[in-house]
N, C-alpha and C. Protein backbone atom coordinates (compact mmCIF):
# COMPACT_ATOMS: atom_id res chain seq x y z
N MET A 1 76.34 -5.80 6.55
CA MET A 1 75.47 -5.66 7.70
C MET A 1 74.02 -5.48 7.27
N LYS A 2 73.80 -4.69 6.18
CA LYS A 2 72.45 -4.48 5.68
C LYS A 2 71.84 -5.82 5.25
N TYR A 3 72.65 -6.64 4.59
CA TYR A 3 72.14 -7.91 4.10
C TYR A 3 71.79 -8.85 5.26
N LEU A 4 72.61 -8.84 6.27
CA LEU A 4 72.37 -9.67 7.44
C LEU A 4 71.08 -9.25 8.14
N LEU A 5 70.89 -7.95 8.28
CA LEU A 5 69.67 -7.42 8.89
C LEU A 5 68.44 -7.76 8.05
N SER A 6 68.56 -7.65 6.72
CA SER A 6 67.46 -7.98 5.82
C SER A 6 67.11 -9.46 5.90
N LEU A 7 68.15 -10.31 5.95
CA LEU A 7 67.93 -11.74 6.07
C LEU A 7 67.23 -12.08 7.38
N PHE A 8 67.66 -11.48 8.46
CA PHE A 8 67.04 -11.69 9.76
C PHE A 8 65.57 -11.27 9.73
N ALA A 9 65.28 -10.12 9.14
CA ALA A 9 63.90 -9.63 9.06
C ALA A 9 63.03 -10.58 8.23
N ALA A 10 63.58 -11.08 7.13
CA ALA A 10 62.83 -12.00 6.27
C ALA A 10 62.52 -13.30 7.01
N VAL A 11 63.50 -13.85 7.71
CA VAL A 11 63.29 -15.08 8.47
C VAL A 11 62.23 -14.86 9.55
N LEU A 12 62.29 -13.73 10.22
CA LEU A 12 61.32 -13.41 11.26
C LEU A 12 59.92 -13.31 10.68
N LEU A 13 59.76 -12.65 9.55
CA LEU A 13 58.44 -12.51 8.93
C LEU A 13 57.89 -13.87 8.49
N ILE A 14 58.75 -14.69 7.90
CA ILE A 14 58.30 -16.00 7.44
C ILE A 14 57.88 -16.86 8.62
N SER A 15 58.66 -16.84 9.68
CA SER A 15 58.32 -17.68 10.83
C SER A 15 57.02 -17.21 11.48
N CYS A 16 56.78 -15.92 11.50
CA CYS A 16 55.53 -15.40 12.08
C CYS A 16 54.33 -15.78 11.24
N SER A 17 54.49 -15.75 9.92
CA SER A 17 53.34 -16.02 9.05
C SER A 17 53.04 -17.50 8.94
N THR A 18 54.01 -18.38 9.22
CA THR A 18 53.76 -19.80 9.10
C THR A 18 53.31 -20.44 10.40
N GLN A 19 53.38 -19.72 11.51
CA GLN A 19 52.90 -20.28 12.77
C GLN A 19 51.39 -20.33 12.76
N LYS A 20 50.85 -21.47 13.12
CA LYS A 20 49.40 -21.58 13.22
C LYS A 20 48.99 -21.23 14.63
N SER A 21 47.89 -20.52 14.72
CA SER A 21 47.39 -20.21 16.05
C SER A 21 46.78 -21.49 16.62
N GLN A 22 47.08 -21.78 17.84
CA GLN A 22 46.58 -22.98 18.50
C GLN A 22 45.23 -22.69 19.13
N SER A 23 44.25 -23.52 18.80
CA SER A 23 42.94 -23.38 19.40
C SER A 23 42.98 -23.94 20.81
N LYS A 24 42.26 -23.32 21.71
CA LYS A 24 42.19 -23.86 23.07
C LYS A 24 41.23 -25.05 23.14
N TYR A 25 40.49 -25.28 22.04
CA TYR A 25 39.56 -26.40 21.96
C TYR A 25 40.16 -27.47 21.05
N SER A 26 40.41 -28.67 21.56
CA SER A 26 40.94 -29.72 20.70
C SER A 26 39.82 -30.43 19.95
N THR A 27 38.65 -30.59 20.58
CA THR A 27 37.49 -31.20 19.93
C THR A 27 36.22 -30.50 20.42
N ILE A 28 35.35 -30.17 19.48
CA ILE A 28 34.05 -29.58 19.79
C ILE A 28 33.01 -30.53 19.21
N GLU A 29 32.16 -31.06 20.08
CA GLU A 29 31.16 -32.01 19.62
C GLU A 29 29.78 -31.53 20.05
N TYR A 30 28.85 -31.59 19.11
CA TYR A 30 27.46 -31.23 19.39
C TYR A 30 26.58 -32.37 18.91
N GLU A 31 25.66 -32.79 19.77
CA GLU A 31 24.74 -33.85 19.41
C GLU A 31 23.31 -33.38 19.67
N ALA A 32 22.46 -33.53 18.66
CA ALA A 32 21.05 -33.17 18.79
C ALA A 32 20.24 -34.45 18.78
N GLY A 33 19.47 -34.65 19.85
CA GLY A 33 18.70 -35.87 20.00
C GLY A 33 17.28 -35.75 19.48
N ALA A 34 16.57 -36.86 19.55
CA ALA A 34 15.21 -36.97 19.02
C ALA A 34 14.19 -36.30 19.92
N CYS A 35 13.04 -36.03 19.33
CA CYS A 35 11.87 -35.57 20.07
C CYS A 35 10.68 -36.36 19.51
N PHE A 36 9.47 -36.06 19.97
CA PHE A 36 8.29 -36.75 19.45
C PHE A 36 7.74 -36.01 18.23
N GLY A 37 8.62 -35.48 17.42
CA GLY A 37 8.24 -34.76 16.21
C GLY A 37 9.30 -34.98 15.16
N PHE A 38 9.66 -33.90 14.49
CA PHE A 38 10.58 -33.99 13.37
C PHE A 38 11.88 -33.24 13.65
N CYS A 39 12.39 -33.32 14.85
CA CYS A 39 13.63 -32.66 15.22
C CYS A 39 14.81 -33.33 14.52
N PRO A 40 15.73 -32.54 13.98
CA PRO A 40 16.92 -33.13 13.36
C PRO A 40 17.71 -33.93 14.40
N ILE A 41 18.16 -35.11 13.99
CA ILE A 41 18.93 -35.99 14.86
C ILE A 41 20.31 -36.15 14.22
N TYR A 42 21.33 -35.67 14.89
CA TYR A 42 22.67 -35.74 14.32
C TYR A 42 23.73 -35.50 15.38
N LYS A 43 24.97 -35.81 15.00
CA LYS A 43 26.13 -35.49 15.84
C LYS A 43 27.19 -34.88 14.93
N MET A 44 27.76 -33.76 15.37
CA MET A 44 28.80 -33.09 14.62
C MET A 44 30.03 -32.97 15.50
N THR A 45 31.17 -33.40 14.96
CA THR A 45 32.43 -33.36 15.70
C THR A 45 33.43 -32.53 14.91
N ILE A 46 33.95 -31.47 15.54
CA ILE A 46 34.88 -30.56 14.89
C ILE A 46 36.22 -30.62 15.62
N GLN A 47 37.28 -30.89 14.87
CA GLN A 47 38.63 -30.94 15.44
C GLN A 47 39.27 -29.55 15.37
N ALA A 48 40.37 -29.37 16.08
CA ALA A 48 41.05 -28.07 16.12
C ALA A 48 41.56 -27.65 14.74
N ASP A 49 41.84 -28.63 13.86
CA ASP A 49 42.29 -28.28 12.51
C ASP A 49 41.12 -28.01 11.57
N ARG A 50 39.90 -27.94 12.11
CA ARG A 50 38.65 -27.60 11.44
C ARG A 50 38.04 -28.77 10.66
N THR A 51 38.72 -29.94 10.66
CA THR A 51 38.10 -31.09 10.00
C THR A 51 36.88 -31.50 10.82
N THR A 52 35.83 -31.87 10.11
CA THR A 52 34.54 -32.08 10.76
C THR A 52 33.86 -33.32 10.22
N VAL A 53 33.20 -34.04 11.11
CA VAL A 53 32.39 -35.20 10.74
C VAL A 53 30.96 -34.92 11.19
N LEU A 54 30.03 -35.12 10.29
CA LEU A 54 28.60 -34.98 10.57
C LEU A 54 27.97 -36.36 10.42
N GLU A 55 27.42 -36.89 11.51
CA GLU A 55 26.71 -38.16 11.48
C GLU A 55 25.22 -37.82 11.52
N ALA A 56 24.60 -37.82 10.35
CA ALA A 56 23.20 -37.41 10.22
C ALA A 56 22.29 -38.63 10.28
N GLU A 57 21.35 -38.61 11.21
CA GLU A 57 20.41 -39.72 11.35
C GLU A 57 19.12 -39.45 10.55
N HIS A 58 18.30 -38.52 11.02
CA HIS A 58 17.02 -38.24 10.37
C HIS A 58 16.68 -36.76 10.46
N PHE A 59 15.88 -36.28 9.49
CA PHE A 59 15.30 -34.94 9.47
C PHE A 59 16.34 -33.83 9.32
N ASN A 60 17.48 -34.11 8.73
CA ASN A 60 18.50 -33.09 8.54
C ASN A 60 18.43 -32.44 7.17
N PHE A 61 18.10 -33.21 6.14
CA PHE A 61 18.15 -32.68 4.79
C PHE A 61 16.84 -32.86 4.03
N SER A 62 15.87 -33.52 4.63
CA SER A 62 14.62 -33.78 3.93
C SER A 62 13.74 -32.55 3.94
N LYS A 63 13.05 -32.34 2.82
CA LYS A 63 12.15 -31.18 2.70
C LYS A 63 10.82 -31.47 3.41
N GLY A 64 10.26 -32.62 3.14
CA GLY A 64 9.00 -32.99 3.78
C GLY A 64 9.28 -33.72 5.08
N THR A 65 8.34 -33.66 5.98
CA THR A 65 8.52 -34.35 7.25
C THR A 65 7.42 -35.39 7.38
N SER A 66 7.85 -36.59 7.72
CA SER A 66 6.91 -37.69 7.86
C SER A 66 7.49 -38.69 8.85
N LYS A 67 6.60 -39.33 9.59
CA LYS A 67 7.04 -40.37 10.52
C LYS A 67 7.68 -41.54 9.76
N ASP A 68 7.40 -41.65 8.45
CA ASP A 68 8.01 -42.71 7.63
C ASP A 68 9.52 -42.54 7.55
N GLU A 69 10.00 -41.34 7.84
CA GLU A 69 11.44 -41.06 7.82
C GLU A 69 12.20 -42.01 8.74
N PHE A 70 11.58 -42.40 9.85
CA PHE A 70 12.24 -43.29 10.81
C PHE A 70 12.48 -44.68 10.24
N SER A 71 11.65 -45.11 9.28
CA SER A 71 11.83 -46.44 8.69
C SER A 71 12.90 -46.43 7.60
N LYS A 72 13.31 -45.26 7.17
CA LYS A 72 14.36 -45.14 6.16
C LYS A 72 15.72 -45.28 6.83
N PRO A 73 16.74 -45.64 6.05
CA PRO A 73 18.08 -45.70 6.64
C PRO A 73 18.55 -44.31 7.06
N ARG A 74 19.53 -44.29 7.94
CA ARG A 74 20.08 -43.01 8.38
C ARG A 74 20.58 -42.23 7.17
N GLU A 75 20.64 -40.92 7.30
CA GLU A 75 21.00 -40.07 6.16
C GLU A 75 22.46 -40.22 5.75
N GLY A 76 23.34 -40.52 6.70
CA GLY A 76 24.72 -40.79 6.32
C GLY A 76 25.74 -40.07 7.17
N THR A 77 27.00 -40.35 6.85
CA THR A 77 28.14 -39.70 7.49
C THR A 77 28.80 -38.81 6.45
N PHE A 78 29.07 -37.58 6.84
CA PHE A 78 29.62 -36.57 5.94
C PHE A 78 30.86 -35.95 6.57
N THR A 79 31.76 -35.45 5.72
CA THR A 79 32.95 -34.76 6.22
C THR A 79 33.13 -33.45 5.48
N THR A 80 33.84 -32.54 6.12
CA THR A 80 34.23 -31.27 5.51
C THR A 80 35.34 -30.66 6.35
N THR A 81 35.90 -29.60 5.84
CA THR A 81 36.77 -28.74 6.64
C THR A 81 36.02 -27.43 6.78
N ILE A 82 35.63 -27.11 8.00
CA ILE A 82 34.85 -25.90 8.26
C ILE A 82 35.63 -24.68 7.79
N LYS A 83 34.95 -23.76 7.15
CA LYS A 83 35.59 -22.52 6.71
C LYS A 83 36.21 -21.82 7.91
N GLU A 84 37.38 -21.25 7.70
CA GLU A 84 38.11 -20.64 8.81
C GLU A 84 37.29 -19.56 9.51
N ALA A 85 36.60 -18.74 8.75
CA ALA A 85 35.79 -17.67 9.36
C ALA A 85 34.69 -18.26 10.24
N ASP A 86 34.08 -19.35 9.78
CA ASP A 86 33.02 -19.98 10.58
C ASP A 86 33.59 -20.62 11.84
N TYR A 87 34.76 -21.25 11.71
CA TYR A 87 35.40 -21.84 12.89
C TYR A 87 35.72 -20.74 13.91
N ASN A 88 36.26 -19.63 13.43
CA ASN A 88 36.59 -18.52 14.34
C ASN A 88 35.34 -17.97 15.02
N LYS A 89 34.22 -17.93 14.28
CA LYS A 89 32.97 -17.47 14.87
C LYS A 89 32.49 -18.45 15.95
N LEU A 90 32.62 -19.75 15.68
CA LEU A 90 32.24 -20.75 16.67
C LEU A 90 33.08 -20.62 17.93
N VAL A 91 34.38 -20.44 17.76
CA VAL A 91 35.27 -20.27 18.91
C VAL A 91 34.86 -19.03 19.71
N ALA A 92 34.52 -17.96 19.02
CA ALA A 92 34.09 -16.74 19.71
C ALA A 92 32.79 -16.98 20.48
N LEU A 93 31.86 -17.73 19.88
CA LEU A 93 30.61 -18.05 20.59
C LEU A 93 30.89 -18.89 21.83
N LEU A 94 31.78 -19.86 21.71
CA LEU A 94 32.12 -20.70 22.86
C LEU A 94 32.84 -19.90 23.93
N ASP A 95 33.75 -19.03 23.51
CA ASP A 95 34.44 -18.17 24.47
C ASP A 95 33.44 -17.31 25.24
N GLY A 96 32.41 -16.82 24.54
CA GLY A 96 31.37 -16.01 25.18
C GLY A 96 30.53 -16.79 26.18
N LEU A 97 30.50 -18.12 26.02
CA LEU A 97 29.75 -18.98 26.95
C LEU A 97 30.48 -19.22 28.27
N ASP A 98 31.80 -19.03 28.26
CA ASP A 98 32.61 -19.42 29.41
C ASP A 98 32.36 -20.91 29.67
N VAL A 99 32.72 -21.71 28.68
CA VAL A 99 32.39 -23.13 28.63
C VAL A 99 32.69 -23.89 29.92
N LYS A 100 33.83 -23.67 30.50
CA LYS A 100 34.22 -24.43 31.69
C LYS A 100 33.27 -24.21 32.87
N ASN A 101 32.54 -23.10 32.85
CA ASN A 101 31.61 -22.81 33.94
C ASN A 101 30.15 -23.06 33.60
N LEU A 102 29.88 -23.72 32.47
CA LEU A 102 28.51 -24.09 32.15
C LEU A 102 28.02 -25.14 33.15
N GLN A 103 26.71 -25.16 33.35
CA GLN A 103 26.13 -26.21 34.18
C GLN A 103 26.27 -27.55 33.45
N ASP A 104 26.26 -28.64 34.19
CA ASP A 104 26.32 -29.96 33.56
C ASP A 104 24.99 -30.31 32.90
N LYS A 105 23.87 -29.83 33.49
CA LYS A 105 22.55 -30.13 32.95
C LYS A 105 21.67 -28.89 32.99
N TYR A 106 20.89 -28.74 31.92
CA TYR A 106 19.89 -27.68 31.83
C TYR A 106 18.56 -28.35 31.48
N GLY A 107 17.48 -27.68 31.79
CA GLY A 107 16.16 -28.15 31.38
C GLY A 107 15.46 -28.95 32.44
N SER A 108 14.14 -28.98 32.31
CA SER A 108 13.29 -29.72 33.22
C SER A 108 12.56 -30.78 32.42
N ARG A 109 12.50 -31.97 32.94
CA ARG A 109 11.87 -33.08 32.22
C ARG A 109 10.38 -33.18 32.52
N ASN A 110 9.75 -32.08 32.90
CA ASN A 110 8.31 -32.08 33.15
C ASN A 110 7.53 -32.32 31.86
N VAL A 111 8.09 -31.92 30.74
CA VAL A 111 7.50 -32.16 29.43
C VAL A 111 8.33 -33.27 28.79
N THR A 112 7.66 -34.27 28.20
CA THR A 112 8.41 -35.45 27.77
C THR A 112 8.69 -35.53 26.28
N ASP A 113 8.37 -34.50 25.51
CA ASP A 113 8.55 -34.63 24.06
C ASP A 113 9.58 -33.66 23.48
N LEU A 114 10.46 -33.13 24.30
CA LEU A 114 11.45 -32.17 23.83
C LEU A 114 12.76 -32.86 23.48
N PRO A 115 13.52 -32.27 22.54
CA PRO A 115 14.82 -32.86 22.21
C PRO A 115 15.87 -32.52 23.27
N THR A 116 16.89 -33.33 23.32
CA THR A 116 18.02 -33.09 24.21
C THR A 116 19.25 -32.82 23.36
N SER A 117 20.03 -31.83 23.76
CA SER A 117 21.29 -31.58 23.06
C SER A 117 22.43 -31.84 24.02
N PHE A 118 23.55 -32.22 23.46
CA PHE A 118 24.76 -32.46 24.23
C PHE A 118 25.89 -31.65 23.60
N LEU A 119 26.55 -30.87 24.41
CA LEU A 119 27.72 -30.11 23.98
C LEU A 119 28.90 -30.68 24.74
N ARG A 120 29.84 -31.25 24.00
CA ARG A 120 31.02 -31.88 24.62
C ARG A 120 32.27 -31.19 24.09
N ILE A 121 33.01 -30.60 24.99
CA ILE A 121 34.21 -29.84 24.61
C ILE A 121 35.43 -30.49 25.25
N LYS A 122 36.44 -30.75 24.43
CA LYS A 122 37.74 -31.19 24.95
C LYS A 122 38.71 -30.04 24.71
N PHE A 123 39.38 -29.64 25.76
CA PHE A 123 40.31 -28.53 25.69
C PHE A 123 41.71 -29.02 25.36
N ALA A 124 42.52 -28.13 24.82
CA ALA A 124 43.90 -28.46 24.46
C ALA A 124 44.71 -28.85 25.70
N ASP A 125 44.30 -28.37 26.87
CA ASP A 125 45.04 -28.70 28.10
C ASP A 125 44.67 -30.08 28.67
N GLY A 126 43.81 -30.83 27.95
CA GLY A 126 43.45 -32.17 28.38
C GLY A 126 42.16 -32.26 29.19
N THR A 127 41.61 -31.14 29.62
CA THR A 127 40.37 -31.15 30.38
C THR A 127 39.18 -31.20 29.42
N SER A 128 38.02 -31.43 29.96
CA SER A 128 36.82 -31.47 29.12
C SER A 128 35.62 -30.94 29.89
N LYS A 129 34.58 -30.61 29.15
CA LYS A 129 33.32 -30.15 29.73
C LYS A 129 32.19 -30.74 28.91
N ASN A 130 31.23 -31.37 29.58
CA ASN A 130 30.05 -31.94 28.94
C ASN A 130 28.81 -31.28 29.51
N THR A 131 27.95 -30.83 28.63
CA THR A 131 26.71 -30.19 29.04
C THR A 131 25.54 -30.84 28.32
N GLU A 132 24.51 -31.20 29.08
CA GLU A 132 23.28 -31.77 28.55
C GLU A 132 22.18 -30.74 28.72
N ASP A 133 21.39 -30.52 27.66
CA ASP A 133 20.35 -29.50 27.70
C ASP A 133 19.04 -30.08 27.17
N TYR A 134 18.15 -30.45 28.10
CA TYR A 134 16.85 -30.98 27.71
C TYR A 134 15.95 -29.81 27.33
N GLY A 135 15.50 -29.81 26.09
CA GLY A 135 14.66 -28.73 25.59
C GLY A 135 15.44 -27.68 24.81
N LYS A 136 16.74 -27.73 24.84
CA LYS A 136 17.62 -26.82 24.10
C LYS A 136 17.35 -25.35 24.43
N ARG A 137 17.13 -25.05 25.71
CA ARG A 137 16.87 -23.66 26.11
C ARG A 137 17.71 -23.28 27.33
N GLY A 138 18.91 -23.82 27.44
CA GLY A 138 19.74 -23.59 28.62
C GLY A 138 20.01 -22.13 28.91
N SER A 139 20.37 -21.38 27.89
CA SER A 139 20.59 -19.94 28.02
C SER A 139 20.52 -19.34 26.62
N GLU A 140 20.41 -18.03 26.57
CA GLU A 140 20.35 -17.34 25.28
C GLU A 140 21.62 -17.61 24.45
N LYS A 141 22.77 -17.61 25.12
CA LYS A 141 24.03 -17.85 24.41
C LYS A 141 24.14 -19.28 23.93
N LEU A 142 23.64 -20.24 24.71
CA LEU A 142 23.64 -21.64 24.26
C LEU A 142 22.73 -21.82 23.05
N ILE A 143 21.58 -21.16 23.04
CA ILE A 143 20.66 -21.25 21.90
C ILE A 143 21.36 -20.77 20.63
N LYS A 144 22.16 -19.72 20.73
CA LYS A 144 22.91 -19.22 19.56
C LYS A 144 23.93 -20.25 19.08
N VAL A 145 24.57 -20.94 20.01
CA VAL A 145 25.53 -21.98 19.63
C VAL A 145 24.81 -23.13 18.93
N TYR A 146 23.66 -23.55 19.46
CA TYR A 146 22.89 -24.62 18.83
C TYR A 146 22.49 -24.23 17.41
N GLN A 147 22.04 -23.00 17.23
CA GLN A 147 21.63 -22.54 15.90
C GLN A 147 22.83 -22.49 14.96
N PHE A 148 24.00 -22.14 15.49
CA PHE A 148 25.21 -22.11 14.68
C PHE A 148 25.50 -23.50 14.11
N PHE A 149 25.38 -24.54 14.95
CA PHE A 149 25.59 -25.90 14.46
C PHE A 149 24.55 -26.28 13.41
N GLU A 150 23.30 -25.89 13.61
CA GLU A 150 22.26 -26.14 12.61
C GLU A 150 22.65 -25.50 11.28
N ASP A 151 23.13 -24.26 11.33
CA ASP A 151 23.50 -23.54 10.12
C ASP A 151 24.69 -24.18 9.41
N LEU A 152 25.62 -24.75 10.18
CA LEU A 152 26.78 -25.40 9.57
C LEU A 152 26.37 -26.54 8.63
N LYS A 153 25.24 -27.18 8.91
CA LYS A 153 24.79 -28.28 8.05
C LYS A 153 24.48 -27.80 6.64
N THR A 154 24.12 -26.52 6.50
CA THR A 154 23.72 -26.03 5.18
C THR A 154 24.70 -25.02 4.56
N ASN A 155 25.62 -24.47 5.35
CA ASN A 155 26.51 -23.45 4.76
C ASN A 155 27.94 -23.94 4.54
N GLN A 156 28.16 -25.26 4.60
CA GLN A 156 29.47 -25.85 4.32
C GLN A 156 29.33 -26.83 3.15
N GLN A 157 30.44 -27.19 2.54
CA GLN A 157 30.45 -28.19 1.46
C GLN A 157 30.73 -29.56 2.06
N TRP A 158 29.70 -30.36 2.24
CA TRP A 158 29.84 -31.68 2.87
C TRP A 158 30.04 -32.75 1.81
N THR A 159 30.87 -33.74 2.14
CA THR A 159 31.11 -34.89 1.26
C THR A 159 30.62 -36.13 2.00
N LYS A 160 29.72 -36.86 1.35
CA LYS A 160 29.18 -38.08 1.98
C LYS A 160 30.24 -39.18 1.90
N VAL A 161 30.55 -39.79 3.05
CA VAL A 161 31.54 -40.87 3.07
C VAL A 161 30.90 -42.24 3.31
N LYS A 162 29.72 -42.28 3.87
CA LYS A 162 28.95 -43.53 3.98
C LYS A 162 27.54 -43.25 4.38
């Protein structure tokens, strides 16, 4: 009986430790658009398994800024697996936003030289939410999410694929 109970406990522990927690977000996509300056232009797509693609256009990795950057080829496509702690932090930031209740559009187009950001979330339940933010100032919590994506470009190990 002791052995049977021990075997049952071991199986239970193994099954609990091998279950992966399911993210409520199946895809998290952030896109930063151009401005009339040197704003980074890129799109980052993060899957629930933390695999990530960064499509970098201009002003993402260059030290100097020059309008000549636009005549150069795009910076490239990069991949990585986001560190688990960083992914969990991103999920916590998104949870704090109450993503499903975000406005569809933020910002006023009275000024014509500001960048536009797009946050596109696909949920595990099949629904999605798309938010456009002209000027990247939709709310204090959104600004933190945008900065988090900016930081991911420099605090992860990216591999250039093309």
